[in-house]
Amino acid sequence: MTAGIVLAILYLGRSVLIPLVLAVMLSLLVAPLVRAALRRIRVGRTISVLVAVVALAVSCLAVAATLGTQVLRIAESLPQYESNVQHKLKTLEE
């Protein structure tokens, strides 16, 4: 019964909990970079947080761009794969 209630609360609160969990995960990911930047460069916390967040955003965009180009390359070569599969099926039928 308790597990069902907990799951229902989690299901109903997902619109609030998902962004909250993402924020906590990102803060844990960025915190070591911010601490290292504060110690080495001796800049303010605000600037080092902004630099860390921008670096994280740029790296995420780079990964997304790389994945996007790979998906486009695969989509462009799908007709070739289709003809290869059809040829192999014809050979198999014979």
PDB file of N, CA and C in Angstrom:
ATOM      1  N   MET A   1       0.829  -1.186   0.000  1.00  0.00           N
ATOM      2  CA  MET A   1       0.000   0.000   0.000  1.00  0.00           C
ATOM      3  C   MET A   1       0.881   1.260   0.000  1.00  0.00           C
ATOM      4  N   THR A   2       1.898   1.251   0.817  1.00  0.00           N
ATOM      5  CA  THR A   2       2.788   2.403   0.910  1.00  0.00           C
ATOM      6  C   THR A   2       3.523   2.629  -0.405  1.00  0.00           C
ATOM      7  N   ALA A   3       3.965   1.551  -1.018  1.00  0.00           N
ATOM      8  CA  ALA A   3       4.667   1.674  -2.300  1.00  0.00           C
ATOM      9  C   ALA A   3       3.742   2.254  -3.367  1.00  0.00           C
ATOM     10  N   GLY A   4       2.498   1.851  -3.359  1.00  0.00           N
ATOM     11  CA  GLY A   4       1.531   2.385  -4.317  1.00  0.00           C
ATOM     12  C   GLY A   4       1.301   3.870  -4.121  1.00  0.00           C
ATOM     13  N   ILE A   5       1.226   4.301  -2.892  1.00  0.00           N
ATOM     14  CA  ILE A   5       1.034   5.724  -2.599  1.00  0.00           C
ATOM     15  C   ILE A   5       2.261   6.523  -3.026  1.00  0.00           C
ATOM     16  N   VAL A   6       3.445   5.990  -2.726  1.00  0.00           N
ATOM     17  CA  VAL A   6       4.684   6.678  -3.115  1.00  0.00           C
ATOM     18  C   VAL A   6       4.769   6.784  -4.632  1.00  0.00           C
ATOM     19  N   LEU A   7       4.464   5.714  -5.336  1.00  0.00           N
ATOM     20  CA  LEU A   7       4.499   5.742  -6.798  1.00  0.00           C
ATOM     21  C   LEU A   7       3.470   6.715  -7.366  1.00  0.00           C
ATOM     22  N   ALA A   8       2.302   6.780  -6.760  1.00  0.00           N
ATOM     23  CA  ALA A   8       1.282   7.728  -7.222  1.00  0.00           C
ATOM     24  C   ALA A   8       1.740   9.167  -7.020  1.00  0.00           C
ATOM     25  N   ILE A   9       2.369   9.439  -5.888  1.00  0.00           N
ATOM     26  CA  ILE A   9       2.877  10.796  -5.627  1.00  0.00           C
ATOM     27  C   ILE A   9       3.979  11.146  -6.616  1.00  0.00           C
ATOM     28  N   LEU A  10       4.872  10.187  -6.876  1.00  0.00           N
ATOM     29  CA  LEU A  10       5.935  10.431  -7.852  1.00  0.00           C
ATOM     30  C   LEU A  10       5.364  10.645  -9.248  1.00  0.00           C
ATOM     31  N   TYR A  11       4.351   9.880  -9.602  1.00  0.00           N
ATOM     32  CA  TYR A  11       3.743  10.028 -10.927  1.00  0.00           C
ATOM     33  C   TYR A  11       3.067  11.387 -11.060  1.00  0.00           C
ATOM     34  N   LEU A  12       2.346  11.798 -10.055  1.00  0.00           N
ATOM     35  CA  LEU A  12       1.642  13.080 -10.118  1.00  0.00           C
ATOM     36  C   LEU A  12       2.596  14.267 -10.017  1.00  0.00           C
ATOM     37  N   GLY A  13       3.718  14.103  -9.334  1.00  0.00           N
ATOM     38  CA  GLY A  13       4.657  15.203  -9.150  1.00  0.00           C
ATOM     39  C   GLY A  13       5.787  15.233 -10.154  1.00  0.00           C
ATOM     40  N   ARG A  14       5.687  14.434 -11.215  1.00  0.00           N
ATOM     41  CA  ARG A  14       6.803  14.349 -12.165  1.00  0.00           C
ATOM     42  C   ARG A  14       7.082  15.657 -12.879  1.00  0.00           C
ATOM     43  N   SER A  15       6.068  16.499 -13.085  1.00  0.00           N
ATOM     44  CA  SER A  15       6.310  17.770 -13.774  1.00  0.00           C
ATOM     45  C   SER A  15       7.185  18.710 -12.940  1.00  0.00           C
ATOM     46  N   VAL A  16       7.212  18.512 -11.642  1.00  0.00           N
ATOM     47  CA  VAL A  16       8.058  19.318 -10.762  1.00  0.00           C
ATOM     48  C   VAL A  16       9.359  18.578 -10.449  1.00  0.00           C
ATOM     49  N   LEU A  17       9.271  17.273 -10.272  1.00  0.00           N
ATOM     50  CA  LEU A  17      10.424  16.505  -9.826  1.00  0.00           C
ATOM     51  C   LEU A  17      11.492  16.326 -10.911  1.00  0.00           C
ATOM     52  N   ILE A  18      11.090  16.177 -12.165  1.00  0.00           N
ATOM     53  CA  ILE A  18      12.072  15.966 -13.227  1.00  0.00           C
ATOM     54  C   ILE A  18      13.002  17.168 -13.374  1.00  0.00           C
ATOM     55  N   PRO A  19      12.504  18.401 -13.488  1.00  0.00           N
ATOM     56  CA  PRO A  19      13.437  19.540 -13.557  1.00  0.00           C
ATOM     57  C   PRO A  19      14.281  19.700 -12.285  1.00  0.00           C
ATOM     58  N   LEU A  20      13.697  19.379 -11.143  1.00  0.00           N
ATOM     59  CA  LEU A  20      14.435  19.474  -9.890  1.00  0.00           C
ATOM     60  C   LEU A  20      15.588  18.480  -9.854  1.00  0.00           C
ATOM     61  N   VAL A  21      15.346  17.250 -10.265  1.00  0.00           N
ATOM     62  CA  VAL A  21      16.400  16.228 -10.292  1.00  0.00           C
ATOM     63  C   VAL A  21      17.462  16.596 -11.323  1.00  0.00           C
ATOM     64  N   LEU A  22      17.052  17.105 -12.480  1.00  0.00           N
ATOM     65  CA  LEU A  22      18.020  17.543 -13.483  1.00  0.00           C
ATOM     66  C   LEU A  22      18.902  18.668 -12.957  1.00  0.00           C
ATOM     67  N   ALA A  23      18.307  19.596 -12.238  1.00  0.00           N
ATOM     68  CA  ALA A  23      19.081  20.699 -11.662  1.00  0.00           C
ATOM     69  C   ALA A  23      20.095  20.192 -10.645  1.00  0.00           C
ATOM     70  N   VAL A  24      19.700  19.250  -9.815  1.00  0.00           N
ATOM     71  CA  VAL A  24      20.620  18.688  -8.825  1.00  0.00           C
ATOM     72  C   VAL A  24      21.757  17.938  -9.522  1.00  0.00           C
ATOM     73  N   MET A  25      21.419  17.155 -10.553  1.00  0.00           N
ATOM     74  CA  MET A  25      22.452  16.411 -11.277  1.00  0.00           C
ATOM     75  C   MET A  25      23.430  17.359 -11.967  1.00  0.00           C
ATOM     76  N   LEU A  26      22.927  18.413 -12.588  1.00  0.00           N
ATOM     77  CA  LEU A  26      23.813  19.378 -13.233  1.00  0.00           C
ATOM     78  C   LEU A  26      24.679  20.111 -12.225  1.00  0.00           C
ATOM     79  N   SER A  27      24.122  20.432 -11.075  1.00  0.00           N
ATOM     80  CA  SER A  27      24.932  21.116 -10.062  1.00  0.00           C
ATOM     81  C   SER A  27      26.036  20.204  -9.547  1.00  0.00           C
ATOM     82  N   LEU A  28      25.753  18.917  -9.399  1.00  0.00           N
ATOM     83  CA  LEU A  28      26.798  17.982  -8.986  1.00  0.00           C
ATOM     84  C   LEU A  28      27.851  17.804 -10.074  1.00  0.00           C
ATOM     85  N   LEU A  29      27.444  17.928 -11.320  1.00  0.00           N
ATOM     86  CA  LEU A  29      28.378  17.791 -12.426  1.00  0.00           C
ATOM     87  C   LEU A  29      29.270  19.022 -12.565  1.00  0.00           C
ATOM     88  N   VAL A  30      28.723  20.193 -12.297  1.00  0.00           N
ATOM     89  CA  VAL A  30      29.446  21.444 -12.506  1.00  0.00           C
ATOM     90  C   VAL A  30      30.259  21.847 -11.271  1.00  0.00           C
ATOM     91  N   ALA A  31      29.896  21.350 -10.109  1.00  0.00           N
ATOM     92  CA  ALA A  31      30.544  21.784  -8.870  1.00  0.00           C
ATOM     93  C   ALA A  31      32.060  21.568  -8.851  1.00  0.00           C
ATOM     94  N   PRO A  32      32.582  20.422  -9.262  1.00  0.00           N
ATOM     95  CA  PRO A  32      34.055  20.274  -9.245  1.00  0.00           C
ATOM     96  C   PRO A  32      34.763  21.256 -10.173  1.00  0.00           C
ATOM     97  N   LEU A  33      34.166  21.523 -11.325  1.00  0.00           N
ATOM     98  CA  LEU A  33      34.763  22.489 -12.249  1.00  0.00           C
ATOM     99  C   LEU A  33      34.777  23.888 -11.634  1.00  0.00           C
ATOM    100  N   VAL A  34      33.711  24.236 -10.971  1.00  0.00           N
ATOM    101  CA  VAL A  34      33.634  25.562 -10.349  1.00  0.00           C
ATOM    102  C   VAL A  34      34.655  25.672  -9.224  1.00  0.00           C
ATOM    103  N   ARG A  35      34.784  24.622  -8.416  1.00  0.00           N
ATOM    104  CA  ARG A  35      35.763  24.659  -7.329  1.00  0.00           C
ATOM    105  C   ARG A  35      37.188  24.760  -7.864  1.00  0.00           C
ATOM    106  N   ALA A  36      37.471  24.028  -8.933  1.00  0.00           N
ATOM    107  CA  ALA A  36      38.804  24.079  -9.532  1.00  0.00           C
ATOM    108  C   ALA A  36      39.064  25.452 -10.132  1.00  0.00           C
ATOM    109  N   ALA A  37      38.062  26.025 -10.772  1.00  0.00           N
ATOM    110  CA  ALA A  37      38.231  27.358 -11.360  1.00  0.00           C
ATOM    111  C   ALA A  37      38.410  28.406 -10.267  1.00  0.00           C
ATOM    112  N   LEU A  38      37.701  28.265  -9.174  1.00  0.00           N
ATOM    113  CA  LEU A  38      37.854  29.219  -8.071  1.00  0.00           C
ATOM    114  C   LEU A  38      39.247  29.146  -7.473  1.00  0.00           C
ATOM    115  N   ARG A  39      39.777  27.957  -7.330  1.00  0.00           N
ATOM    116  CA  ARG A  39      41.081  27.803  -6.692  1.00  0.00           C
ATOM    117  C   ARG A  39      42.227  28.221  -7.601  1.00  0.00           C
ATOM    118  N   ARG A  40      42.152  27.835  -8.862  1.00  0.00           N
ATOM    119  CA  ARG A  40      43.280  28.103  -9.761  1.00  0.00           C
ATOM    120  C   ARG A  40      43.284  29.519 -10.307  1.00  0.00           C
ATOM    121  N   ILE A  41      42.160  29.956 -10.816  1.00  0.00           N
ATOM    122  CA  ILE A  41      42.119  31.248 -11.496  1.00  0.00           C
ATOM    123  C   ILE A  41      41.806  32.389 -10.536  1.00  0.00           C
ATOM    124  N   ARG A  42      41.216  32.057  -9.421  1.00  0.00           N
ATOM    125  CA  ARG A  42      40.819  33.044  -8.412  1.00  0.00           C
ATOM    126  C   ARG A  42      39.856  34.093  -8.957  1.00  0.00           C
ATOM    127  N   VAL A  43      38.817  33.599  -9.621  1.00  0.00           N
ATOM    128  CA  VAL A  43      37.737  34.481 -10.073  1.00  0.00           C
ATOM    129  C   VAL A  43      36.547  34.287  -9.142  1.00  0.00           C
ATOM    130  N   GLY A  44      35.584  35.148  -9.289  1.00  0.00           N
ATOM    131  CA  GLY A  44      34.410  35.069  -8.436  1.00  0.00           C
ATOM    132  C   GLY A  44      33.563  33.834  -8.727  1.00  0.00           C
ATOM    133  N   ARG A  45      32.715  33.500  -7.784  1.00  0.00           N
ATOM    134  CA  ARG A  45      31.857  32.328  -7.939  1.00  0.00           C
ATOM    135  C   ARG A  45      30.899  32.484  -9.101  1.00  0.00           C
ATOM    136  N   THR A  46      30.325  33.658  -9.255  1.00  0.00           N
ATOM    137  CA  THR A  46      29.340  33.873 -10.302  1.00  0.00           C
ATOM    138  C   THR A  46      29.947  33.662 -11.680  1.00  0.00           C
ATOM    139  N   ILE A  47      31.112  34.223 -11.889  1.00  0.00           N
ATOM    140  CA  ILE A  47      31.758  34.088 -13.198  1.00  0.00           C
ATOM    141  C   ILE A  47      32.159  32.639 -13.447  1.00  0.00           C
ATOM    142  N   SER A  48      32.701  31.970 -12.420  1.00  0.00           N
ATOM    143  CA  SER A  48      33.102  30.586 -12.636  1.00  0.00           C
ATOM    144  C   SER A  48      31.902  29.673 -12.850  1.00  0.00           C
ATOM    145  N   VAL A  49      30.786  29.940 -12.206  1.00  0.00           N
ATOM    146  CA  VAL A  49      29.566  29.156 -12.457  1.00  0.00           C
ATOM    147  C   VAL A  49      29.082  29.398 -13.870  1.00  0.00           C
ATOM    148  N   LEU A  50      29.077  30.647 -14.303  1.00  0.00           N
ATOM    149  CA  LEU A  50      28.639  30.948 -15.666  1.00  0.00           C
ATOM    150  C   LEU A  50      29.543  30.285 -16.703  1.00  0.00           C
ATOM    151  N   VAL A  51      30.844  30.328 -16.484  1.00  0.00           N
ATOM    152  CA  VAL A  51      31.777  29.686 -17.413  1.00  0.00           C
ATOM    153  C   VAL A  51      31.546  28.177 -17.444  1.00  0.00           C
ATOM    154  N   ALA A  52      31.336  27.578 -16.277  1.00  0.00           N
ATOM    155  CA  ALA A  52      31.113  26.132 -16.219  1.00  0.00           C
ATOM    156  C   ALA A  52      29.816  25.743 -16.919  1.00  0.00           C
ATOM    157  N   VAL A  53      28.764  26.516 -16.715  1.00  0.00           N
ATOM    158  CA  VAL A  53      27.480  26.220 -17.358  1.00  0.00           C
ATOM    159  C   VAL A  53      27.580  26.400 -18.866  1.00  0.00           C
ATOM    160  N   VAL A  54      28.263  27.435 -19.302  1.00  0.00           N
ATOM    161  CA  VAL A  54      28.438  27.650 -20.750  1.00  0.00           C
ATOM    162  C   VAL A  54      29.266  26.517 -21.354  1.00  0.00           C
ATOM    163  N   ALA A  55      30.312  26.096 -20.655  1.00  0.00           N
ATOM    164  CA  ALA A  55      31.128  24.983 -21.154  1.00  0.00           C
ATOM    165  C   ALA A  55      30.317  23.703 -21.235  1.00  0.00           C
ATOM    166  N   LEU A  56      29.482  23.463 -20.257  1.00  0.00           N
ATOM    167  CA  LEU A  56      28.615  22.285 -20.277  1.00  0.00           C
ATOM    168  C   LEU A  56      27.612  22.365 -21.423  1.00  0.00           C
ATOM    169  N   ALA A  57      27.036  23.541 -21.641  1.00  0.00           N
ATOM    170  CA  ALA A  57      26.074  23.717 -22.727  1.00  0.00           C
ATOM    171  C   ALA A  57      26.741  23.532 -24.086  1.00  0.00           C
ATOM    172  N   VAL A  58      27.934  24.075 -24.241  1.00  0.00           N
ATOM    173  CA  VAL A  58      28.656  23.931 -25.516  1.00  0.00           C
ATOM    174  C   VAL A  58      29.001  22.470 -25.770  1.00  0.00           C
ATOM    175  N   SER A  59      29.429  21.763 -24.744  1.00  0.00           N
ATOM    176  CA  SER A  59      29.750  20.348 -24.935  1.00  0.00           C
ATOM    177  C   SER A  59      28.504  19.529 -25.271  1.00  0.00           C
ATOM    178  N   CYS A  60      27.380  19.852 -24.649  1.00  0.00           N
ATOM    179  CA  CYS A  60      26.125  19.165 -24.982  1.00  0.00           C
ATOM    180  C   CYS A  60      25.705  19.467 -26.415  1.00  0.00           C
ATOM    181  N   LEU A  61      25.867  20.707 -26.841  1.00  0.00           N
ATOM    182  CA  LEU A  61      25.533  21.063 -28.221  1.00  0.00           C
ATOM    183  C   LEU A  61      26.457  20.367 -29.212  1.00  0.00           C
ATOM    184  N   ALA A  62      27.721  20.231 -28.859  1.00  0.00           N
ATOM    185  CA  ALA A  62      28.660  19.535 -29.745  1.00  0.00           C
ATOM    186  C   ALA A  62      28.283  18.061 -29.888  1.00  0.00           C
ATOM    187  N   VAL A  63      27.910  17.434 -28.797  1.00  0.00           N
ATOM    188  CA  VAL A  63      27.480  16.036 -28.857  1.00  0.00           C
ATOM    189  C   VAL A  63      26.208  15.904 -29.682  1.00  0.00           C
ATOM    190  N   ALA A  64      25.262  16.817 -29.483  1.00  0.00           N
ATOM    191  CA  ALA A  64      24.011  16.779 -30.245  1.00  0.00           C
ATOM    192  C   ALA A  64      24.267  16.992 -31.735  1.00  0.00           C
ATOM    193  N   ALA A  65      25.172  17.903 -32.066  1.00  0.00           N
ATOM    194  CA  ALA A  65      25.495  18.147 -33.476  1.00  0.00           C
ATOM    195  C   ALA A  65      26.160  16.923 -34.097  1.00  0.00           C
ATOM    196  N   THR A  66      27.050  16.290 -33.358  1.00  0.00           N
ATOM    197  CA  THR A  66      27.709  15.084 -33.864  1.00  0.00           C
ATOM    198  C   THR A  66      26.702  13.967 -34.098  1.00  0.00           C
ATOM    199  N   LEU A  67      25.819  13.767 -33.131  1.00  0.00           N
ATOM    200  CA  LEU A  67      24.792  12.739 -33.295  1.00  0.00           C
ATOM    201  C   LEU A  67      23.861  13.070 -34.450  1.00  0.00           C
ATOM    202  N   GLY A  68      23.521  14.339 -34.608  1.00  0.00           N
ATOM    203  CA  GLY A  68      22.654  14.749 -35.706  1.00  0.00           C
ATOM    204  C   GLY A  68      23.264  14.481 -37.066  1.00  0.00           C
ATOM    205  N   THR A  69      24.552  14.786 -37.203  1.00  0.00           N
ATOM    206  CA  THR A  69      25.195  14.519 -38.492  1.00  0.00           C
ATOM    207  C   THR A  69      25.282  13.023 -38.765  1.00  0.00           C
ATOM    208  N   GLN A  70      25.503  12.227 -37.734  1.00  0.00           N
ATOM    209  CA  GLN A  70      25.540  10.777 -37.923  1.00  0.00           C
ATOM    210  C   GLN A  70      24.182  10.232 -38.347  1.00  0.00           C
ATOM    211  N   VAL A  71      23.124  10.745 -37.743  1.00  0.00           N
ATOM    212  CA  VAL A  71      21.774  10.313 -38.119  1.00  0.00           C
ATOM    213  C   VAL A  71      21.467  10.726 -39.558  1.00  0.00           C
ATOM    214  N   LEU A  72      21.877  11.915 -39.952  1.00  0.00           N
ATOM    215  CA  LEU A  72      21.658  12.346 -41.332  1.00  0.00           C
ATOM    216  C   LEU A  72      22.421  11.477 -42.324  1.00  0.00           C
ATOM    217  N   ARG A  73      23.648  11.103 -41.983  1.00  0.00           N
ATOM    218  CA  ARG A  73      24.421  10.223 -42.866  1.00  0.00           C
ATOM    219  C   ARG A  73      23.753   8.860 -43.012  1.00  0.00           C
ATOM    220  N   ILE A  74      23.248   8.344 -41.919  1.00  0.00           N
ATOM    221  CA  ILE A  74      22.553   7.062 -41.982  1.00  0.00           C
ATOM    222  C   ILE A  74      21.281   7.191 -42.807  1.00  0.00           C
ATOM    223  N   ALA A  75      20.549   8.285 -42.630  1.00  0.00           N
ATOM    224  CA  ALA A  75      19.313   8.497 -43.393  1.00  0.00           C
ATOM    225  C   ALA A  75      19.609   8.623 -44.886  1.00  0.00           C
ATOM    226  N   GLU A  76      20.729   9.237 -45.235  1.00  0.00           N
ATOM    227  CA  GLU A  76      21.088   9.368 -46.647  1.00  0.00           C
ATOM    228  C   GLU A  76      21.465   8.027 -47.260  1.00  0.00           C
ATOM    229  N   SER A  77      22.027   7.132 -46.479  1.00  0.00           N
ATOM    230  CA  SER A  77      22.461   5.849 -47.025  1.00  0.00           C
ATOM    231  C   SER A  77      21.411   4.754 -46.888  1.00  0.00           C
ATOM    232  N   LEU A  78      20.234   5.060 -46.366  1.00  0.00           N
ATOM    233  CA  LEU A  78      19.188   4.057 -46.226  1.00  0.00           C
ATOM    234  C   LEU A  78      18.762   3.448 -47.561  1.00  0.00           C
ATOM    235  N   PRO A  79      18.614   4.213 -48.649  1.00  0.00           N
ATOM    236  CA  PRO A  79      18.242   3.576 -49.919  1.00  0.00           C
ATOM    237  C   PRO A  79      19.263   2.523 -50.364  1.00  0.00           C
ATOM    238  N   GLN A  80      20.531   2.789 -50.128  1.00  0.00           N
ATOM    239  CA  GLN A  80      21.557   1.813 -50.478  1.00  0.00           C
ATOM    240  C   GLN A  80      21.394   0.545 -49.642  1.00  0.00           C
ATOM    241  N   TYR A  81      21.136   0.700 -48.356  1.00  0.00           N
ATOM    242  CA  TYR A  81      20.914  -0.458 -47.503  1.00  0.00           C
ATOM    243  C   TYR A  81      19.687  -1.235 -47.952  1.00  0.00           C
ATOM    244  N   GLU A  82      18.651  -0.504 -48.344  1.00  0.00           N
ATOM    245  CA  GLU A  82      17.416  -1.150 -48.787  1.00  0.00           C
ATOM    246  C   GLU A  82      17.678  -1.991 -50.036  1.00  0.00           C
ATOM    247  N   SER A  83      18.420  -1.444 -50.986  1.00  0.00           N
ATOM    248  CA  SER A  83      18.709  -2.207 -52.203  1.00  0.00           C
ATOM    249  C   SER A  83      19.592  -3.419 -51.897  1.00  0.00           C
ATOM    250  N   ASN A  84      20.527  -3.277 -50.968  1.00  0.00           N
ATOM    251  CA  ASN A  84      21.353  -4.423 -50.566  1.00  0.00           C
ATOM    252  C   ASN A  84      20.510  -5.526 -49.936  1.00  0.00           C
ATOM    253  N   VAL A  85      19.590  -5.147 -49.078  1.00  0.00           N
ATOM    254  CA  VAL A  85      18.730  -6.132 -48.416  1.00  0.00           C
ATOM    255  C   VAL A  85      17.829  -6.807 -49.442  1.00  0.00           C
ATOM    256  N   GLN A  86      17.268  -6.037 -50.371  1.00  0.00           N
ATOM    257  CA  GLN A  86      16.417  -6.631 -51.399  1.00  0.00           C
ATOM    258  C   GLN A  86      17.212  -7.592 -52.277  1.00  0.00           C
ATOM    259  N   HIS A  87      18.421  -7.222 -52.617  1.00  0.00           N
ATOM    260  CA  HIS A  87      19.274  -8.097 -53.435  1.00  0.00           C
ATOM    261  C   HIS A  87      19.574  -9.407 -52.688  1.00  0.00           C
ATOM    262  N   LYS A  88      19.869  -9.294 -51.394  1.00  0.00           N
ATOM    263  CA  LYS A  88      20.157 -10.495 -50.603  1.00  0.00           C
ATOM    264  C   LYS A  88      18.915 -11.370 -50.446  1.00  0.00           C
ATOM    265  N   LEU A  89      17.752 -10.745 -50.335  1.00  0.00           N
ATOM    266  CA  LEU A  89      16.515 -11.528 -50.238  1.00  0.00           C
ATOM    267  C   LEU A  89      16.226 -12.264 -51.533  1.00  0.00           C
ATOM    268  N   LYS A  90      16.478 -11.609 -52.671  1.00  0.00           N
ATOM    269  CA  LYS A  90      16.301 -12.273 -53.962  1.00  0.00           C
ATOM    270  C   LYS A  90      17.258 -13.450 -54.099  1.00  0.00           C
ATOM    271  N   THR A  91      18.508 -13.229 -53.662  1.00  0.00           N
ATOM    272  CA  THR A  91      19.490 -14.317 -53.712  1.00  0.00           C
ATOM    273  C   THR A  91      19.063 -15.465 -52.803  1.00  0.00           C
ATOM    274  N   LEU A  92      18.516 -15.146 -51.652  1.00  0.00           N
ATOM    275  CA  LEU A  92      18.068 -16.163 -50.709  1.00  0.00           C
ATOM    276  C   LEU A  92      16.889 -16.949 -51.257  1.00  0.00           C
ATOM    277  N   GLU A  93      15.966 -16.256 -51.936  1.00  0.00           N
ATOM    278  CA  GLU A  93      14.807 -16.911 -52.516  1.00  0.00           C
ATOM    279  C   GLU A  93      15.217 -17.879 -53.631  1.00  0.00           C
ATOM    280  N   GLU A  94      16.234 -17.519 -54.393  1.00  0.00           N
ATOM    281  CA  GLU A  94      16.694 -18.376 -55.482  1.00  0.00           C
ATOM    282  C   GLU A  94      17.406 -19.575 -54.923  1.00  0.00           C
TER     283      GLU A  94
END
